[in-house]
């Protein structure tokens, strides 16, 4: 009977170690979902929409472009306003998320 509390504690501790990466992945997915209205689900924009796809972009390029929107060096209709709403860490998380998505060909 004394083994049960120890086993439970070990399980809880192992889950807490695994949680941060999983939480970061989930957070990035939720952040990226905000882009879907214009850039398509998972960054795969609809053909002929005129919106660039984000899926498959290099993380460095995504970050560079988001920073350009934030500092005003890249013009946009709404992206400069949206980009200012994200932290550097959130932009980096979205960059990794979109880089991992396969672009439609």
PDB file of N, CA and C in Angstrom:
ATOM      1  N   UNK A   1       0.807  -1.189   0.000  1.00  0.00           N
ATOM      2  CA  UNK A   1       0.000   0.000   0.000  1.00  0.00           C
ATOM      3  C   UNK A   1       0.859   1.265   0.000  1.00  0.00           C
ATOM      4  N   UNK A   2       2.073   1.183   0.590  1.00  0.00           N
ATOM      5  CA  UNK A   2       2.947   2.350   0.611  1.00  0.00           C
ATOM      6  C   UNK A   2       3.532   2.618  -0.769  1.00  0.00           C
ATOM      7  N   UNK A   3       3.520   1.632  -1.608  1.00  0.00           N
ATOM      8  CA  UNK A   3       4.063   1.772  -2.949  1.00  0.00           C
ATOM      9  C   UNK A   3       3.178   2.660  -3.825  1.00  0.00           C
ATOM     10  N   UNK A   4       1.893   2.649  -3.607  1.00  0.00           N
ATOM     11  CA  UNK A   4       0.966   3.425  -4.416  1.00  0.00           C
ATOM     12  C   UNK A   4       1.262   4.921  -4.369  1.00  0.00           C
ATOM     13  N   UNK A   5       1.425   5.547  -3.186  1.00  0.00           N
ATOM     14  CA  UNK A   5       1.743   6.982  -3.179  1.00  0.00           C
ATOM     15  C   UNK A   5       3.065   7.285  -3.884  1.00  0.00           C
ATOM     16  N   UNK A   6       4.052   6.422  -3.734  1.00  0.00           N
ATOM     17  CA  UNK A   6       5.339   6.633  -4.400  1.00  0.00           C
ATOM     18  C   UNK A   6       5.195   6.547  -5.914  1.00  0.00           C
ATOM     19  N   UNK A   7       4.425   5.583  -6.373  1.00  0.00           N
ATOM     20  CA  UNK A   7       4.204   5.428  -7.812  1.00  0.00           C
ATOM     21  C   UNK A   7       3.437   6.623  -8.366  1.00  0.00           C
ATOM     22  N   UNK A   8       2.456   7.094  -7.622  1.00  0.00           N
ATOM     23  CA  UNK A   8       1.682   8.256  -8.043  1.00  0.00           C
ATOM     24  C   UNK A   8       2.570   9.488  -8.125  1.00  0.00           C
ATOM     25  N   UNK A   9       3.407   9.687  -7.126  1.00  0.00           N
ATOM     26  CA  UNK A   9       4.318  10.824  -7.120  1.00  0.00           C
ATOM     27  C   UNK A   9       5.285  10.745  -8.301  1.00  0.00           C
ATOM     28  N   UNK A  10       5.823   9.585  -8.571  1.00  0.00           N
ATOM     29  CA  UNK A  10       6.747   9.414  -9.694  1.00  0.00           C
ATOM     30  C   UNK A  10       6.061   9.726 -11.021  1.00  0.00           C
ATOM     31  N   UNK A  11       4.825   9.291 -11.169  1.00  0.00           N
ATOM     32  CA  UNK A  11       4.071   9.562 -12.390  1.00  0.00           C
ATOM     33  C   UNK A  11       3.834  11.048 -12.562  1.00  0.00           C
ATOM     34  N   UNK A  12       3.411  11.712 -11.499  1.00  0.00           N
ATOM     35  CA  UNK A  12       3.156  13.150 -11.568  1.00  0.00           C
ATOM     36  C   UNK A  12       4.422  13.929 -11.896  1.00  0.00           C
ATOM     37  N   UNK A  13       5.527  13.548 -11.301  1.00  0.00           N
ATOM     38  CA  UNK A  13       6.787  14.229 -11.583  1.00  0.00           C
ATOM     39  C   UNK A  13       7.221  14.026 -13.030  1.00  0.00           C
ATOM     40  N   UNK A  14       7.035  12.830 -13.558  1.00  0.00           N
ATOM     41  CA  UNK A  14       7.428  12.584 -14.948  1.00  0.00           C
ATOM     42  C   UNK A  14       6.547  13.376 -15.905  1.00  0.00           C
ATOM     43  N   UNK A  15       5.278  13.525 -15.588  1.00  0.00           N
ATOM     44  CA  UNK A  15       4.386  14.312 -16.434  1.00  0.00           C
ATOM     45  C   UNK A  15       4.750  15.782 -16.408  1.00  0.00           C
ATOM     46  N   UNK A  16       5.167  16.283 -15.260  1.00  0.00           N
ATOM     47  CA  UNK A  16       5.520  17.696 -15.174  1.00  0.00           C
ATOM     48  C   UNK A  16       6.773  17.994 -15.976  1.00  0.00           C
ATOM     49  N   UNK A  17       7.657  17.023 -16.114  1.00  0.00           N
ATOM     50  CA  UNK A  17       8.863  17.211 -16.923  1.00  0.00           C
ATOM     51  C   UNK A  17       8.503  17.241 -18.402  1.00  0.00           C
ATOM     52  N   UNK A  18       7.532  16.444 -18.812  1.00  0.00           N
ATOM     53  CA  UNK A  18       7.143  16.373 -20.210  1.00  0.00           C
ATOM     54  C   UNK A  18       6.217  17.503 -20.626  1.00  0.00           C
ATOM     55  N   UNK A  19       5.536  18.111 -19.715  1.00  0.00           N
ATOM     56  CA  UNK A  19       4.515  19.095 -20.032  1.00  0.00           C
ATOM     57  C   UNK A  19       5.004  20.347 -20.747  1.00  0.00           C
ATOM     58  N   UNK A  20       6.123  20.958 -20.369  1.00  0.00           N
ATOM     59  CA  UNK A  20       6.490  22.214 -21.019  1.00  0.00           C
ATOM     60  C   UNK A  20       6.592  22.128 -22.536  1.00  0.00           C
ATOM     61  N   UNK A  21       7.219  21.123 -23.083  1.00  0.00           N
ATOM     62  CA  UNK A  21       7.342  21.013 -24.539  1.00  0.00           C
ATOM     63  C   UNK A  21       5.977  20.825 -25.174  1.00  0.00           C
ATOM     64  N   UNK A  22       5.175  19.983 -24.567  1.00  0.00           N
ATOM     65  CA  UNK A  22       3.836  19.753 -25.079  1.00  0.00           C
ATOM     66  C   UNK A  22       3.010  21.027 -25.010  1.00  0.00           C
ATOM     67  N   UNK A  23       3.121  21.750 -23.918  1.00  0.00           N
ATOM     68  CA  UNK A  23       2.385  23.005 -23.760  1.00  0.00           C
ATOM     69  C   UNK A  23       2.853  24.027 -24.783  1.00  0.00           C
ATOM     70  N   UNK A  24       4.156  24.101 -25.035  1.00  0.00           N
ATOM     71  CA  UNK A  24       4.675  25.044 -26.018  1.00  0.00           C
ATOM     72  C   UNK A  24       4.152  24.712 -27.406  1.00  0.00           C
ATOM     73  N   UNK A  25       4.105  23.436 -27.736  1.00  0.00           N
ATOM     74  CA  UNK A  25       3.601  23.010 -29.028  1.00  0.00           C
ATOM     75  C   UNK A  25       2.132  23.384 -29.185  1.00  0.00           C
ATOM     76  N   UNK A  26       1.361  23.152 -28.141  1.00  0.00           N
ATOM     77  CA  UNK A  26      -0.059  23.496 -28.161  1.00  0.00           C
ATOM     78  C   UNK A  26      -0.241  24.997 -28.259  1.00  0.00           C
ATOM     79  N   UNK A  27       0.549  25.749 -27.488  1.00  0.00           N
ATOM     80  CA  UNK A  27       0.456  27.207 -27.541  1.00  0.00           C
ATOM     81  C   UNK A  27       0.757  27.717 -28.942  1.00  0.00           C
ATOM     82  N   UNK A  28       1.782  27.188 -29.574  1.00  0.00           N
ATOM     83  CA  UNK A  28       2.144  27.616 -30.926  1.00  0.00           C
ATOM     84  C   UNK A  28       1.013  27.324 -31.898  1.00  0.00           C
ATOM     85  N   UNK A  29       0.386  26.186 -31.718  1.00  0.00           N
ATOM     86  CA  UNK A  29      -0.731  25.823 -32.600  1.00  0.00           C
ATOM     87  C   UNK A  29      -1.903  26.788 -32.425  1.00  0.00           C
ATOM     88  N   UNK A  30      -2.197  27.152 -31.180  1.00  0.00           N
ATOM     89  CA  UNK A  30      -3.268  28.117 -30.928  1.00  0.00           C
ATOM     90  C   UNK A  30      -2.925  29.483 -31.498  1.00  0.00           C
ATOM     91  N   UNK A  31      -1.681  29.907 -31.333  1.00  0.00           N
ATOM     92  CA  UNK A  31      -1.253  31.187 -31.892  1.00  0.00           C
ATOM     93  C   UNK A  31      -1.363  31.164 -33.410  1.00  0.00           C
ATOM     94  N   UNK A  32      -0.915  30.088 -34.014  1.00  0.00           N
ATOM     95  CA  UNK A  32      -0.940  29.963 -35.470  1.00  0.00           C
ATOM     96  C   UNK A  32      -2.368  29.921 -36.004  1.00  0.00           C
ATOM     97  N   UNK A  33      -3.300  29.449 -35.213  1.00  0.00           N
ATOM     98  CA  UNK A  33      -4.700  29.391 -35.645  1.00  0.00           C
ATOM     99  C   UNK A  33      -5.248  30.782 -35.941  1.00  0.00           C
ATOM    100  N   UNK A  34      -4.678  31.798 -35.302  1.00  0.00           N
ATOM    101  CA  UNK A  34      -5.111  33.175 -35.568  1.00  0.00           C
ATOM    102  C   UNK A  34      -4.804  33.599 -36.999  1.00  0.00           C
ATOM    103  N   UNK A  35      -3.874  32.946 -37.631  1.00  0.00           N
ATOM    104  CA  UNK A  35      -3.454  33.293 -38.990  1.00  0.00           C
ATOM    105  C   UNK A  35      -4.346  32.648 -40.053  1.00  0.00           C
ATOM    106  N   UNK A  36      -5.156  31.680 -39.639  1.00  0.00           N
ATOM    107  CA  UNK A  36      -5.914  30.853 -40.587  1.00  0.00           C
ATOM    108  C   UNK A  36      -6.918  31.638 -41.419  1.00  0.00           C
ATOM    109  N   UNK A  37      -7.519  32.678 -40.875  1.00  0.00           N
ATOM    110  CA  UNK A  37      -8.526  33.421 -41.639  1.00  0.00           C
ATOM    111  C   UNK A  37      -7.974  33.951 -42.955  1.00  0.00           C
ATOM    112  N   UNK A  38      -6.746  34.404 -42.936  1.00  0.00           N
ATOM    113  CA  UNK A  38      -6.149  34.956 -44.156  1.00  0.00           C
ATOM    114  C   UNK A  38      -5.192  33.988 -44.843  1.00  0.00           C
ATOM    115  N   UNK A  39      -4.411  33.258 -44.062  1.00  0.00           N
ATOM    116  CA  UNK A  39      -3.337  32.435 -44.612  1.00  0.00           C
ATOM    117  C   UNK A  39      -3.682  30.953 -44.697  1.00  0.00           C
ATOM    118  N   UNK A  40      -4.908  30.578 -44.357  1.00  0.00           N
ATOM    119  CA  UNK A  40      -5.353  29.199 -44.474  1.00  0.00           C
ATOM    120  C   UNK A  40      -4.986  28.333 -43.283  1.00  0.00           C
ATOM    121  N   UNK A  41      -5.673  27.208 -43.195  1.00  0.00           N
ATOM    122  CA  UNK A  41      -5.440  26.261 -42.113  1.00  0.00           C
ATOM    123  C   UNK A  41      -3.997  25.782 -42.152  1.00  0.00           C
ATOM    124  N   UNK A  42      -3.337  25.835 -41.020  1.00  0.00           N
ATOM    125  CA  UNK A  42      -1.931  25.436 -40.893  1.00  0.00           C
ATOM    126  C   UNK A  42      -1.020  26.185 -41.859  1.00  0.00           C
ATOM    127  N   UNK A  43      -1.447  27.385 -42.274  1.00  0.00           N
ATOM    128  CA  UNK A  43      -0.609  28.208 -43.143  1.00  0.00           C
ATOM    129  C   UNK A  43      -0.664  27.852 -44.609  1.00  0.00           C
ATOM    130  N   UNK A  44      -1.619  27.017 -44.993  1.00  0.00           N
ATOM    131  CA  UNK A  44      -1.770  26.620 -46.397  1.00  0.00           C
ATOM    132  C   UNK A  44      -2.863  27.479 -47.024  1.00  0.00           C
ATOM    133  N   UNK A  45      -2.474  28.579 -47.646  1.00  0.00           N
ATOM    134  CA  UNK A  45      -3.467  29.498 -48.200  1.00  0.00           C
ATOM    135  C   UNK A  45      -4.140  28.886 -49.426  1.00  0.00           C
ATOM    136  N   UNK A  46      -5.368  29.305 -49.643  1.00  0.00           N
ATOM    137  CA  UNK A  46      -6.136  28.804 -50.783  1.00  0.00           C
ATOM    138  C   UNK A  46      -5.554  29.369 -52.070  1.00  0.00           C
ATOM    139  N   UNK A  47      -5.463  28.542 -53.075  1.00  0.00           N
ATOM    140  CA  UNK A  47      -4.968  28.990 -54.371  1.00  0.00           C
ATOM    141  C   UNK A  47      -5.810  30.132 -54.909  1.00  0.00           C
ATOM    142  N   UNK A  48      -5.155  31.147 -55.435  1.00  0.00           N
ATOM    143  CA  UNK A  48      -5.862  32.290 -55.993  1.00  0.00           C
ATOM    144  C   UNK A  48      -6.335  33.295 -54.972  1.00  0.00           C
ATOM    145  N   UNK A  49      -6.022  33.076 -53.692  1.00  0.00           N
ATOM    146  CA  UNK A  49      -6.487  34.001 -52.658  1.00  0.00           C
ATOM    147  C   UNK A  49      -5.653  35.276 -52.607  1.00  0.00           C
ATOM    148  N   UNK A  50      -4.455  35.225 -53.163  1.00  0.00           N
ATOM    149  CA  UNK A  50      -3.581  36.387 -53.098  1.00  0.00           C
ATOM    150  C   UNK A  50      -2.815  36.487 -51.792  1.00  0.00           C
ATOM    151  N   UNK A  51      -3.108  35.598 -50.868  1.00  0.00           N
ATOM    152  CA  UNK A  51      -2.414  35.582 -49.575  1.00  0.00           C
ATOM    153  C   UNK A  51      -1.281  34.569 -49.630  1.00  0.00           C
ATOM    154  N   UNK A  52      -0.119  34.956 -49.145  1.00  0.00           N
ATOM    155  CA  UNK A  52       0.987  33.998 -49.151  1.00  0.00           C
ATOM    156  C   UNK A  52       0.756  32.876 -48.153  1.00  0.00           C
ATOM    157  N   UNK A  53       1.195  31.696 -48.517  1.00  0.00           N
ATOM    158  CA  UNK A  53       1.158  30.577 -47.586  1.00  0.00           C
ATOM    159  C   UNK A  53       2.277  30.716 -46.572  1.00  0.00           C
ATOM    160  N   UNK A  54       2.035  30.265 -45.364  1.00  0.00           N
ATOM    161  CA  UNK A  54       3.048  30.309 -44.311  1.00  0.00           C
ATOM    162  C   UNK A  54       3.665  28.936 -44.081  1.00  0.00           C
ATOM    163  N   UNK A  55       2.964  27.899 -44.487  1.00  0.00           N
ATOM    164  CA  UNK A  55       3.451  26.528 -44.287  1.00  0.00           C
ATOM    165  C   UNK A  55       4.755  26.322 -45.039  1.00  0.00           C
ATOM    166  N   UNK A  56       5.733  25.787 -44.328  1.00  0.00           N
ATOM    167  CA  UNK A  56       7.010  25.476 -44.941  1.00  0.00           C
ATOM    168  C   UNK A  56       7.999  26.624 -45.011  1.00  0.00           C
ATOM    169  N   UNK A  57       7.588  27.826 -44.585  1.00  0.00           N
ATOM    170  CA  UNK A  57       8.541  28.942 -44.563  1.00  0.00           C
ATOM    171  C   UNK A  57       9.630  28.652 -43.543  1.00  0.00           C
ATOM    172  N   UNK A  58      10.831  29.105 -43.821  1.00  0.00           N
ATOM    173  CA  UNK A  58      11.886  28.925 -42.822  1.00  0.00           C
ATOM    174  C   UNK A  58      11.541  29.778 -41.607  1.00  0.00           C
ATOM    175  N   UNK A  59      11.895  29.278 -40.446  1.00  0.00           N
ATOM    176  CA  UNK A  59      11.608  30.010 -39.210  1.00  0.00           C
ATOM    177  C   UNK A  59      12.285  31.372 -39.224  1.00  0.00           C
ATOM    178  N   UNK A  60      13.514  31.430 -39.710  1.00  0.00           N
ATOM    179  CA  UNK A  60      14.249  32.703 -39.743  1.00  0.00           C
ATOM    180  C   UNK A  60      13.537  33.724 -40.626  1.00  0.00           C
ATOM    181  N   UNK A  61      13.033  33.295 -41.781  1.00  0.00           N
ATOM    182  CA  UNK A  61      12.325  34.203 -42.682  1.00  0.00           C
ATOM    183  C   UNK A  61      11.028  34.693 -42.044  1.00  0.00           C
ATOM    184  N   UNK A  62      10.283  33.790 -41.422  1.00  0.00           N
ATOM    185  CA  UNK A  62       9.038  34.172 -40.757  1.00  0.00           C
ATOM    186  C   UNK A  62       9.310  35.236 -39.697  1.00  0.00           C
ATOM    187  N   UNK A  63      10.314  35.001 -38.863  1.00  0.00           N
ATOM    188  CA  UNK A  63      10.659  35.951 -37.797  1.00  0.00           C
ATOM    189  C   UNK A  63      11.078  37.287 -38.399  1.00  0.00           C
ATOM    190  N   UNK A  64      11.889  37.243 -39.439  1.00  0.00           N
ATOM    191  CA  UNK A  64      12.344  38.470 -40.105  1.00  0.00           C
ATOM    192  C   UNK A  64      11.156  39.281 -40.618  1.00  0.00           C
ATOM    193  N   UNK A  65      10.210  38.607 -41.245  1.00  0.00           N
ATOM    194  CA  UNK A  65       9.050  39.303 -41.798  1.00  0.00           C
ATOM    195  C   UNK A  65       8.138  39.854 -40.704  1.00  0.00           C
ATOM    196  N   UNK A  66       7.920  39.091 -39.657  1.00  0.00           N
ATOM    197  CA  UNK A  66       7.088  39.584 -38.548  1.00  0.00           C
ATOM    198  C   UNK A  66       7.732  40.804 -37.892  1.00  0.00           C
ATOM    199  N   UNK A  67       9.048  40.789 -37.747  1.00  0.00           N
ATOM    200  CA  UNK A  67       9.743  41.945 -37.184  1.00  0.00           C
ATOM    201  C   UNK A  67       9.648  43.147 -38.119  1.00  0.00           C
ATOM    202  N   UNK A  68       9.701  42.909 -39.422  1.00  0.00           N
ATOM    203  CA  UNK A  68       9.552  43.994 -40.393  1.00  0.00           C
ATOM    204  C   UNK A  68       8.154  44.603 -40.310  1.00  0.00           C
ATOM    205  N   UNK A  69       7.141  43.775 -40.113  1.00  0.00           N
ATOM    206  CA  UNK A  69       5.788  44.303 -39.922  1.00  0.00           C
ATOM    207  C   UNK A  69       5.724  45.128 -38.639  1.00  0.00           C
ATOM    208  N   UNK A  70       6.320  44.611 -37.569  1.00  0.00           N
ATOM    209  CA  UNK A  70       6.269  45.303 -36.272  1.00  0.00           C
ATOM    210  C   UNK A  70       6.958  46.657 -36.316  1.00  0.00           C
ATOM    211  N   UNK A  71       8.108  46.726 -36.976  1.00  0.00           N
ATOM    212  CA  UNK A  71       8.841  47.996 -36.963  1.00  0.00           C
ATOM    213  C   UNK A  71       8.468  48.910 -38.123  1.00  0.00           C
ATOM    214  N   UNK A  72       7.545  48.470 -38.970  1.00  0.00           N
ATOM    215  CA  UNK A  72       7.036  49.318 -40.040  1.00  0.00           C
ATOM    216  C   UNK A  72       7.867  49.325 -41.310  1.00  0.00           C
ATOM    217  N   UNK A  73       8.929  48.535 -41.380  1.00  0.00           N
ATOM    218  CA  UNK A  73       9.749  48.529 -42.593  1.00  0.00           C
ATOM    219  C   UNK A  73       9.112  47.717 -43.725  1.00  0.00           C
ATOM    220  N   UNK A  74       8.121  46.913 -43.413  1.00  0.00           N
ATOM    221  CA  UNK A  74       7.349  46.213 -44.440  1.00  0.00           C
ATOM    222  C   UNK A  74       5.907  46.691 -44.334  1.00  0.00           C
ATOM    223  N   UNK A  75       5.392  47.203 -45.423  1.00  0.00           N
ATOM    224  CA  UNK A  75       4.037  47.735 -45.445  1.00  0.00           C
ATOM    225  C   UNK A  75       3.006  46.609 -45.539  1.00  0.00           C
ATOM    226  N   UNK A  76       1.862  46.859 -44.954  1.00  0.00           N
ATOM    227  CA  UNK A  76       0.770  45.886 -44.979  1.00  0.00           C
ATOM    228  C   UNK A  76      -0.531  46.591 -44.649  1.00  0.00           C
ATOM    229  N   UNK A  77      -1.610  45.920 -44.930  1.00  0.00           N
ATOM    230  CA  UNK A  77      -2.917  46.461 -44.589  1.00  0.00           C
ATOM    231  C   UNK A  77      -3.183  46.318 -43.102  1.00  0.00           C
ATOM    232  N   UNK A  78      -2.956  45.119 -42.569  1.00  0.00           N
ATOM    233  CA  UNK A  78      -3.266  44.867 -41.164  1.00  0.00           C
ATOM    234  C   UNK A  78      -2.139  44.167 -40.406  1.00  0.00           C
ATOM    235  N   UNK A  79      -1.204  43.551 -41.131  1.00  0.00           N
ATOM    236  CA  UNK A  79      -0.173  42.761 -40.453  1.00  0.00           C
ATOM    237  C   UNK A  79       0.687  43.576 -39.498  1.00  0.00           C
ATOM    238  N   UNK A  80       0.930  44.841 -39.800  1.00  0.00           N
ATOM    239  CA  UNK A  80       1.751  45.636 -38.883  1.00  0.00           C
ATOM    240  C   UNK A  80       1.064  45.782 -37.531  1.00  0.00           C
ATOM    241  N   UNK A  81      -0.248  45.840 -37.520  1.00  0.00           N
ATOM    242  CA  UNK A  81      -0.990  45.920 -36.255  1.00  0.00           C
ATOM    243  C   UNK A  81      -0.994  44.571 -35.546  1.00  0.00           C
ATOM    244  N   UNK A  82      -1.221  43.509 -36.294  1.00  0.00           N
ATOM    245  CA  UNK A  82      -1.262  42.175 -35.695  1.00  0.00           C
ATOM    246  C   UNK A  82       0.098  41.775 -35.128  1.00  0.00           C
ATOM    247  N   UNK A  83       1.160  42.039 -35.865  1.00  0.00           N
ATOM    248  CA  UNK A  83       2.499  41.628 -35.442  1.00  0.00           C
ATOM    249  C   UNK A  83       2.903  42.278 -34.123  1.00  0.00           C
ATOM    250  N   UNK A  84       2.443  43.485 -33.886  1.00  0.00           N
ATOM    251  CA  UNK A  84       2.775  44.181 -32.636  1.00  0.00           C
ATOM    252  C   UNK A  84       2.138  43.515 -31.420  1.00  0.00           C
ATOM    253  N   UNK A  85       1.149  42.678 -31.634  1.00  0.00           N
ATOM    254  CA  UNK A  85       0.462  42.008 -30.534  1.00  0.00           C
ATOM    255  C   UNK A  85       1.150  40.749 -30.033  1.00  0.00           C
ATOM    256  N   UNK A  86       2.235  40.348 -30.680  1.00  0.00           N
ATOM    257  CA  UNK A  86       2.938  39.126 -30.288  1.00  0.00           C
ATOM    258  C   UNK A  86       4.287  39.446 -29.665  1.00  0.00           C
ATOM    259  N   UNK A  87       4.668  38.650 -28.689  1.00  0.00           N
ATOM    260  CA  UNK A  87       5.999  38.767 -28.098  1.00  0.00           C
ATOM    261  C   UNK A  87       7.007  38.081 -29.022  1.00  0.00           C
ATOM    262  N   UNK A  88       8.283  38.331 -28.781  1.00  0.00           N
ATOM    263  CA  UNK A  88       9.327  37.654 -29.557  1.00  0.00           C
ATOM    264  C   UNK A  88       9.212  36.138 -29.418  1.00  0.00           C
ATOM    265  N   UNK A  89       8.924  35.680 -28.210  1.00  0.00           N
ATOM    266  CA  UNK A  89       8.800  34.237 -27.964  1.00  0.00           C
ATOM    267  C   UNK A  89       7.611  33.651 -28.722  1.00  0.00           C
ATOM    268  N   UNK A  90       6.509  34.370 -28.780  1.00  0.00           N
ATOM    269  CA  UNK A  90       5.337  33.884 -29.507  1.00  0.00           C
ATOM    270  C   UNK A  90       5.613  33.827 -31.008  1.00  0.00           C
ATOM    271  N   UNK A  91       6.298  34.836 -31.518  1.00  0.00           N
ATOM    272  CA  UNK A  91       6.648  34.839 -32.940  1.00  0.00           C
ATOM    273  C   UNK A  91       7.580  33.672 -33.252  1.00  0.00           C
ATOM    274  N   UNK A  92       8.541  33.438 -32.383  1.00  0.00           N
ATOM    275  CA  UNK A  92       9.464  32.312 -32.582  1.00  0.00           C
ATOM    276  C   UNK A  92       8.714  30.981 -32.555  1.00  0.00           C
ATOM    277  N   UNK A  93       7.747  30.851 -31.656  1.00  0.00           N
ATOM    278  CA  UNK A  93       6.958  29.615 -31.574  1.00  0.00           C
ATOM    279  C   UNK A  93       6.140  29.411 -32.847  1.00  0.00           C
ATOM    280  N   UNK A  94       5.523  30.478 -33.347  1.00  0.00           N
ATOM    281  CA  UNK A  94       4.761  30.369 -34.590  1.00  0.00           C
ATOM    282  C   UNK A  94       5.684  30.050 -35.758  1.00  0.00           C
ATOM    283  N   UNK A  95       6.864  30.652 -35.759  1.00  0.00           N
ATOM    284  CA  UNK A  95       7.830  30.400 -36.830  1.00  0.00           C
ATOM    285  C   UNK A  95       8.194  28.922 -36.892  1.00  0.00           C
ATOM    286  N   UNK A  96       8.445  28.328 -35.741  1.00  0.00           N
ATOM    287  CA  UNK A  96       8.773  26.901 -35.688  1.00  0.00           C
ATOM    288  C   UNK A  96       7.582  26.057 -36.135  1.00  0.00           C
ATOM    289  N   UNK A  97       6.390  26.462 -35.713  1.00  0.00           N
ATOM    290  CA  UNK A  97       5.184  25.723 -36.087  1.00  0.00           C
ATOM    291  C   UNK A  97       5.003  25.725 -37.609  1.00  0.00           C
ATOM    292  N   UNK A  98       5.054  26.908 -38.218  1.00  0.00           N
ATOM    293  CA  UNK A  98       4.835  26.983 -39.662  1.00  0.00           C
ATOM    294  C   UNK A  98       5.963  26.315 -40.443  1.00  0.00           C
ATOM    295  N   UNK A  99       7.182  26.405 -39.949  1.00  0.00           N
ATOM    296  CA  UNK A  99       8.311  25.751 -40.625  1.00  0.00           C
ATOM    297  C   UNK A  99       8.121  24.233 -40.664  1.00  0.00           C
ATOM    298  N   UNK A 100       7.442  23.696 -39.676  1.00  0.00           N
ATOM    299  CA  UNK A 100       7.227  22.246 -39.598  1.00  0.00           C
ATOM    300  C   UNK A 100       6.054  21.769 -40.454  1.00  0.00           C
ATOM    301  N   UNK A 101       5.251  22.689 -40.967  1.00  0.00           N
ATOM    302  CA  UNK A 101       4.096  22.313 -41.785  1.00  0.00           C
ATOM    303  C   UNK A 101       4.539  22.106 -43.230  1.00  0.00           C
ATOM    304  N   UNK A 102       3.924  21.154 -43.903  1.00  0.00           N
ATOM    305  CA  UNK A 102       4.235  20.909 -45.313  1.00  0.00           C
ATOM    306  C   UNK A 102       3.404  21.854 -46.174  1.00  0.00           C
ATOM    307  N   UNK A 103       4.081  22.525 -47.082  1.00  0.00           N
ATOM    308  CA  UNK A 103       3.392  23.438 -47.992  1.00  0.00           C
ATOM    309  C   UNK A 103       2.690  22.643 -49.083  1.00  0.00           C
ATOM    310  N   UNK A 104       1.527  23.127 -49.508  1.00  0.00           N
ATOM    311  CA  UNK A 104       0.844  22.514 -50.653  1.00  0.00           C
ATOM    312  C   UNK A 104       1.635  22.851 -51.908  1.00  0.00           C
ATOM    313  N   UNK A 105       1.654  21.927 -52.827  1.00  0.00           N
ATOM    314  CA  UNK A 105       2.403  22.182 -54.073  1.00  0.00           C
ATOM    315  C   UNK A 105       1.460  22.273 -55.224  1.00  0.00           C
TER     316      UNK A 105
END
